[in-house]
Amino acid sequence: MKLQINSVHFDADQKLLDFIQKKADKLETFYDRFTSGEVFLRLEKGDHSRENKVVEVKLFIPGETLFAKEQGTSFEAAADEAMESLRRQVIKIKEKKSDH
């Protein structure tokens, strides 16, 4: 799947980008009709808690857009949570389509 990964106000290292791409590619085992996706990585300002890393993921499939936004202590943890949320959304969509 073609992902466009944007890191806002910082440069993400290649290891993080590869991690996110690998997680997104695993979603294709559940549903193979993804057209593309966007990922935004942000550091929340003003939030003095340790959970200041935000990952937003949009995945596009024909007729729908899936979205997940998660916050965590690391980008990897937040990306894990976001991809799990998207996995649940994909399974729901597949169930709806098979019911019709």
N, C-alpha and C. Protein backbone atom coordinates (compact mmCIF):
# COMPACT_ATOMS: atom_id res chain seq x y z
N MET A 1 0.85 -1.17 0.00
CA MET A 1 0.00 0.00 0.00
C MET A 1 0.89 1.24 0.00
N LYS A 2 0.51 2.22 -0.79
CA LYS A 2 1.27 3.47 -0.88
C LYS A 2 0.86 4.37 0.27
N LEU A 3 1.80 4.66 1.17
CA LEU A 3 1.54 5.53 2.32
C LEU A 3 2.33 6.82 2.15
N GLN A 4 1.68 7.92 2.47
CA GLN A 4 2.38 9.20 2.53
C GLN A 4 2.52 9.52 4.02
N ILE A 5 3.75 9.56 4.51
CA ILE A 5 3.99 9.79 5.93
C ILE A 5 4.55 11.19 6.12
N ASN A 6 3.86 11.98 6.95
CA ASN A 6 4.25 13.37 7.22
C ASN A 6 4.59 13.51 8.69
N SER A 7 5.78 14.03 8.98
CA SER A 7 6.12 14.34 10.36
C SER A 7 6.08 15.86 10.50
N VAL A 8 5.28 16.34 11.43
CA VAL A 8 5.03 17.76 11.60
C VAL A 8 6.03 18.35 12.59
N HIS A 9 6.82 19.30 12.14
CA HIS A 9 7.80 20.05 12.94
C HIS A 9 8.96 19.20 13.48
N PHE A 10 9.22 18.07 12.87
CA PHE A 10 10.41 17.29 13.20
C PHE A 10 10.67 16.32 12.06
N ASP A 11 11.86 15.73 12.04
CA ASP A 11 12.20 14.75 11.02
C ASP A 11 12.16 13.36 11.63
N ALA A 12 11.28 12.52 11.11
CA ALA A 12 11.18 11.14 11.60
C ALA A 12 12.31 10.32 11.00
N ASP A 13 12.88 9.43 11.80
CA ASP A 13 13.97 8.60 11.27
C ASP A 13 13.40 7.46 10.43
N GLN A 14 14.24 6.89 9.60
CA GLN A 14 13.82 5.86 8.65
C GLN A 14 13.27 4.62 9.36
N LYS A 15 13.82 4.32 10.54
CA LYS A 15 13.37 3.15 11.30
C LYS A 15 11.88 3.29 11.67
N LEU A 16 11.48 4.49 12.09
CA LEU A 16 10.09 4.75 12.44
C LEU A 16 9.20 4.66 11.21
N LEU A 17 9.64 5.23 10.10
CA LEU A 17 8.87 5.18 8.87
C LEU A 17 8.68 3.74 8.40
N ASP A 18 9.74 2.94 8.48
CA ASP A 18 9.64 1.53 8.08
C ASP A 18 8.68 0.77 8.99
N PHE A 19 8.72 1.07 10.30
CA PHE A 19 7.84 0.43 11.27
C PHE A 19 6.37 0.69 10.91
N ILE A 20 6.05 1.95 10.62
CA ILE A 20 4.67 2.32 10.30
C ILE A 20 4.24 1.68 8.98
N GLN A 21 5.12 1.67 7.99
CA GLN A 21 4.80 1.05 6.70
C GLN A 21 4.51 -0.45 6.87
N LYS A 22 5.34 -1.10 7.70
CA LYS A 22 5.17 -2.54 7.93
C LYS A 22 3.83 -2.83 8.61
N LYS A 23 3.47 -2.00 9.59
CA LYS A 23 2.19 -2.17 10.29
C LYS A 23 1.01 -1.98 9.32
N ALA A 24 1.11 -0.99 8.46
CA ALA A 24 0.04 -0.73 7.50
C ALA A 24 -0.06 -1.87 6.50
N ASP A 25 1.08 -2.40 6.07
CA ASP A 25 1.06 -3.50 5.11
C ASP A 25 0.37 -4.73 5.69
N LYS A 26 0.46 -4.92 7.00
CA LYS A 26 -0.20 -6.07 7.63
C LYS A 26 -1.72 -5.97 7.52
N LEU A 27 -2.24 -4.75 7.44
CA LEU A 27 -3.70 -4.58 7.29
C LEU A 27 -4.19 -5.16 5.98
N GLU A 28 -3.31 -5.22 4.99
CA GLU A 28 -3.72 -5.75 3.70
C GLU A 28 -4.00 -7.25 3.75
N THR A 29 -3.59 -7.93 4.81
CA THR A 29 -3.93 -9.34 4.95
C THR A 29 -5.42 -9.49 5.29
N PHE A 30 -6.02 -8.43 5.85
CA PHE A 30 -7.44 -8.47 6.20
C PHE A 30 -8.32 -7.97 5.05
N TYR A 31 -7.79 -7.04 4.27
CA TYR A 31 -8.57 -6.42 3.19
C TYR A 31 -7.59 -5.92 2.14
N ASP A 32 -7.78 -6.30 0.89
CA ASP A 32 -6.76 -6.02 -0.12
C ASP A 32 -7.13 -4.90 -1.08
N ARG A 33 -8.12 -4.09 -0.76
CA ARG A 33 -8.57 -3.06 -1.70
C ARG A 33 -8.18 -1.64 -1.28
N PHE A 34 -7.16 -1.49 -0.43
CA PHE A 34 -6.70 -0.15 -0.06
C PHE A 34 -6.11 0.54 -1.28
N THR A 35 -6.46 1.81 -1.48
CA THR A 35 -5.89 2.54 -2.61
C THR A 35 -4.67 3.34 -2.17
N SER A 36 -4.73 3.96 -0.99
CA SER A 36 -3.59 4.73 -0.49
C SER A 36 -3.85 5.08 0.97
N GLY A 37 -2.90 5.80 1.55
CA GLY A 37 -3.05 6.20 2.94
C GLY A 37 -2.19 7.40 3.27
N GLU A 38 -2.55 8.08 4.36
CA GLU A 38 -1.79 9.21 4.86
C GLU A 38 -1.55 8.99 6.35
N VAL A 39 -0.34 9.34 6.79
CA VAL A 39 -0.01 9.25 8.21
C VAL A 39 0.58 10.59 8.63
N PHE A 40 0.10 11.12 9.76
CA PHE A 40 0.65 12.34 10.32
C PHE A 40 1.22 12.04 11.69
N LEU A 41 2.46 12.42 11.91
CA LEU A 41 3.13 12.25 13.20
C LEU A 41 3.31 13.64 13.80
N ARG A 42 2.84 13.82 15.04
CA ARG A 42 2.91 15.14 15.69
C ARG A 42 3.40 15.01 17.12
N LEU A 43 4.03 16.06 17.57
CA LEU A 43 4.35 16.21 18.99
C LEU A 43 3.39 17.26 19.54
N GLU A 44 2.59 16.90 20.54
CA GLU A 44 1.64 17.84 21.13
C GLU A 44 2.40 18.83 22.00
N LYS A 45 2.14 20.09 21.79
CA LYS A 45 2.76 21.13 22.60
C LYS A 45 1.87 21.45 23.79
N GLY A 46 2.48 21.90 24.87
CA GLY A 46 1.72 22.32 26.03
C GLY A 46 1.26 21.16 26.90
N ASP A 47 1.27 19.96 26.36
CA ASP A 47 0.86 18.79 27.13
C ASP A 47 2.10 18.25 27.81
N HIS A 48 2.19 18.46 29.11
CA HIS A 48 3.41 18.08 29.83
C HIS A 48 3.42 16.62 30.28
N SER A 49 2.37 15.90 29.95
CA SER A 49 2.40 14.47 30.27
C SER A 49 3.34 13.77 29.30
N ARG A 50 3.67 12.55 29.59
CA ARG A 50 4.60 11.80 28.74
C ARG A 50 3.94 11.35 27.44
N GLU A 51 2.62 11.32 27.41
CA GLU A 51 1.91 10.87 26.20
C GLU A 51 1.68 12.04 25.26
N ASN A 52 2.76 12.55 24.67
CA ASN A 52 2.63 13.72 23.81
C ASN A 52 2.86 13.40 22.33
N LYS A 53 2.99 12.12 21.99
CA LYS A 53 3.21 11.74 20.60
C LYS A 53 1.89 11.29 19.98
N VAL A 54 1.51 11.92 18.88
CA VAL A 54 0.22 11.67 18.25
C VAL A 54 0.44 11.11 16.86
N VAL A 55 -0.30 10.04 16.56
CA VAL A 55 -0.27 9.43 15.23
C VAL A 55 -1.70 9.46 14.69
N GLU A 56 -1.86 10.05 13.50
CA GLU A 56 -3.15 10.06 12.81
C GLU A 56 -2.97 9.30 11.51
N VAL A 57 -3.88 8.36 11.25
CA VAL A 57 -3.80 7.54 10.04
C VAL A 57 -5.12 7.60 9.30
N LYS A 58 -5.04 7.89 8.00
CA LYS A 58 -6.20 7.83 7.10
C LYS A 58 -5.88 6.80 6.05
N LEU A 59 -6.79 5.86 5.86
CA LEU A 59 -6.64 4.86 4.80
C LEU A 59 -7.84 4.97 3.87
N PHE A 60 -7.57 4.88 2.59
CA PHE A 60 -8.62 5.05 1.59
C PHE A 60 -8.91 3.72 0.91
N ILE A 61 -10.20 3.37 0.89
CA ILE A 61 -10.66 2.22 0.12
C ILE A 61 -11.80 2.74 -0.75
N PRO A 62 -12.14 2.06 -1.81
CA PRO A 62 -13.21 2.56 -2.68
C PRO A 62 -14.49 2.83 -1.90
N GLY A 63 -14.94 4.09 -1.92
CA GLY A 63 -16.19 4.46 -1.28
C GLY A 63 -16.09 4.83 0.19
N GLU A 64 -14.93 4.65 0.83
CA GLU A 64 -14.83 4.94 2.25
C GLU A 64 -13.44 5.42 2.62
N THR A 65 -13.37 6.14 3.74
CA THR A 65 -12.11 6.56 4.32
C THR A 65 -12.10 6.09 5.77
N LEU A 66 -11.06 5.38 6.14
CA LEU A 66 -10.91 4.93 7.52
C LEU A 66 -9.95 5.88 8.23
N PHE A 67 -10.24 6.19 9.50
CA PHE A 67 -9.42 7.15 10.23
C PHE A 67 -9.20 6.66 11.66
N ALA A 68 -7.97 6.86 12.13
CA ALA A 68 -7.67 6.56 13.53
C ALA A 68 -6.66 7.59 14.03
N LYS A 69 -6.86 8.04 15.26
CA LYS A 69 -5.94 8.98 15.89
C LYS A 69 -5.64 8.45 17.28
N GLU A 70 -4.36 8.27 17.56
CA GLU A 70 -3.97 7.75 18.87
C GLU A 70 -2.81 8.57 19.43
N GLN A 71 -2.74 8.59 20.77
CA GLN A 71 -1.70 9.33 21.47
C GLN A 71 -0.97 8.34 22.38
N GLY A 72 0.36 8.47 22.48
CA GLY A 72 1.10 7.54 23.31
C GLY A 72 2.42 8.11 23.78
N THR A 73 3.15 7.30 24.53
CA THR A 73 4.46 7.73 25.04
C THR A 73 5.53 7.65 23.96
N SER A 74 5.27 6.86 22.91
CA SER A 74 6.19 6.79 21.78
C SER A 74 5.37 6.71 20.50
N PHE A 75 5.99 7.05 19.39
CA PHE A 75 5.27 6.97 18.12
C PHE A 75 4.95 5.52 17.78
N GLU A 76 5.83 4.60 18.17
CA GLU A 76 5.58 3.19 17.88
C GLU A 76 4.34 2.70 18.61
N ALA A 77 4.22 3.07 19.89
CA ALA A 77 3.05 2.64 20.67
C ALA A 77 1.77 3.25 20.11
N ALA A 78 1.82 4.52 19.76
CA ALA A 78 0.63 5.18 19.21
C ALA A 78 0.27 4.58 17.85
N ALA A 79 1.27 4.28 17.02
CA ALA A 79 1.02 3.67 15.72
C ALA A 79 0.40 2.28 15.88
N ASP A 80 0.89 1.52 16.85
CA ASP A 80 0.32 0.20 17.14
C ASP A 80 -1.17 0.31 17.46
N GLU A 81 -1.51 1.24 18.34
CA GLU A 81 -2.91 1.44 18.73
C GLU A 81 -3.76 1.87 17.54
N ALA A 82 -3.23 2.78 16.73
CA ALA A 82 -3.98 3.27 15.58
C ALA A 82 -4.23 2.15 14.57
N MET A 83 -3.21 1.33 14.32
CA MET A 83 -3.37 0.24 13.36
C MET A 83 -4.34 -0.81 13.87
N GLU A 84 -4.35 -1.02 15.18
CA GLU A 84 -5.31 -1.97 15.76
C GLU A 84 -6.73 -1.44 15.60
N SER A 85 -6.92 -0.16 15.81
CA SER A 85 -8.22 0.45 15.61
C SER A 85 -8.66 0.32 14.15
N LEU A 86 -7.75 0.55 13.23
CA LEU A 86 -8.06 0.41 11.80
C LEU A 86 -8.37 -1.03 11.43
N ARG A 87 -7.67 -1.96 12.06
CA ARG A 87 -7.93 -3.38 11.80
C ARG A 87 -9.38 -3.72 12.16
N ARG A 88 -9.84 -3.22 13.31
CA ARG A 88 -11.22 -3.47 13.73
C ARG A 88 -12.21 -2.84 12.73
N GLN A 89 -11.88 -1.63 12.25
CA GLN A 89 -12.75 -0.97 11.27
C GLN A 89 -12.82 -1.77 9.97
N VAL A 90 -11.69 -2.30 9.53
CA VAL A 90 -11.63 -3.09 8.30
C VAL A 90 -12.49 -4.34 8.44
N ILE A 91 -12.39 -5.00 9.57
CA ILE A 91 -13.18 -6.22 9.80
C ILE A 91 -14.67 -5.89 9.77
N LYS A 92 -15.07 -4.75 10.37
CA LYS A 92 -16.48 -4.35 10.34
C LYS A 92 -16.95 -4.11 8.91
N ILE A 93 -16.12 -3.45 8.11
CA ILE A 93 -16.49 -3.18 6.72
C ILE A 93 -16.63 -4.47 5.94
N LYS A 94 -15.71 -5.40 6.15
CA LYS A 94 -15.80 -6.69 5.45
C LYS A 94 -17.07 -7.43 5.84
N GLU A 95 -17.44 -7.38 7.12
CA GLU A 95 -18.65 -8.07 7.57
C GLU A 95 -19.89 -7.43 6.93
N LYS A 96 -19.91 -6.09 6.84
CA LYS A 96 -21.04 -5.41 6.22
C LYS A 96 -21.17 -5.81 4.75
N LYS A 97 -20.07 -5.84 4.04
CA LYS A 97 -20.08 -6.17 2.61
C LYS A 97 -20.49 -7.62 2.39
N SER A 98 -20.10 -8.52 3.30
CA SER A 98 -20.47 -9.94 3.12
C SER A 98 -21.94 -10.17 3.46
N ASP A 99 -22.54 -9.28 4.29
CA ASP A 99 -23.95 -9.41 4.63
C ASP A 99 -24.85 -9.03 3.46
N HIS A 100 -24.36 -8.20 2.56
CA HIS A 100 -25.19 -7.72 1.44
C HIS A 100 -25.23 -8.69 0.32
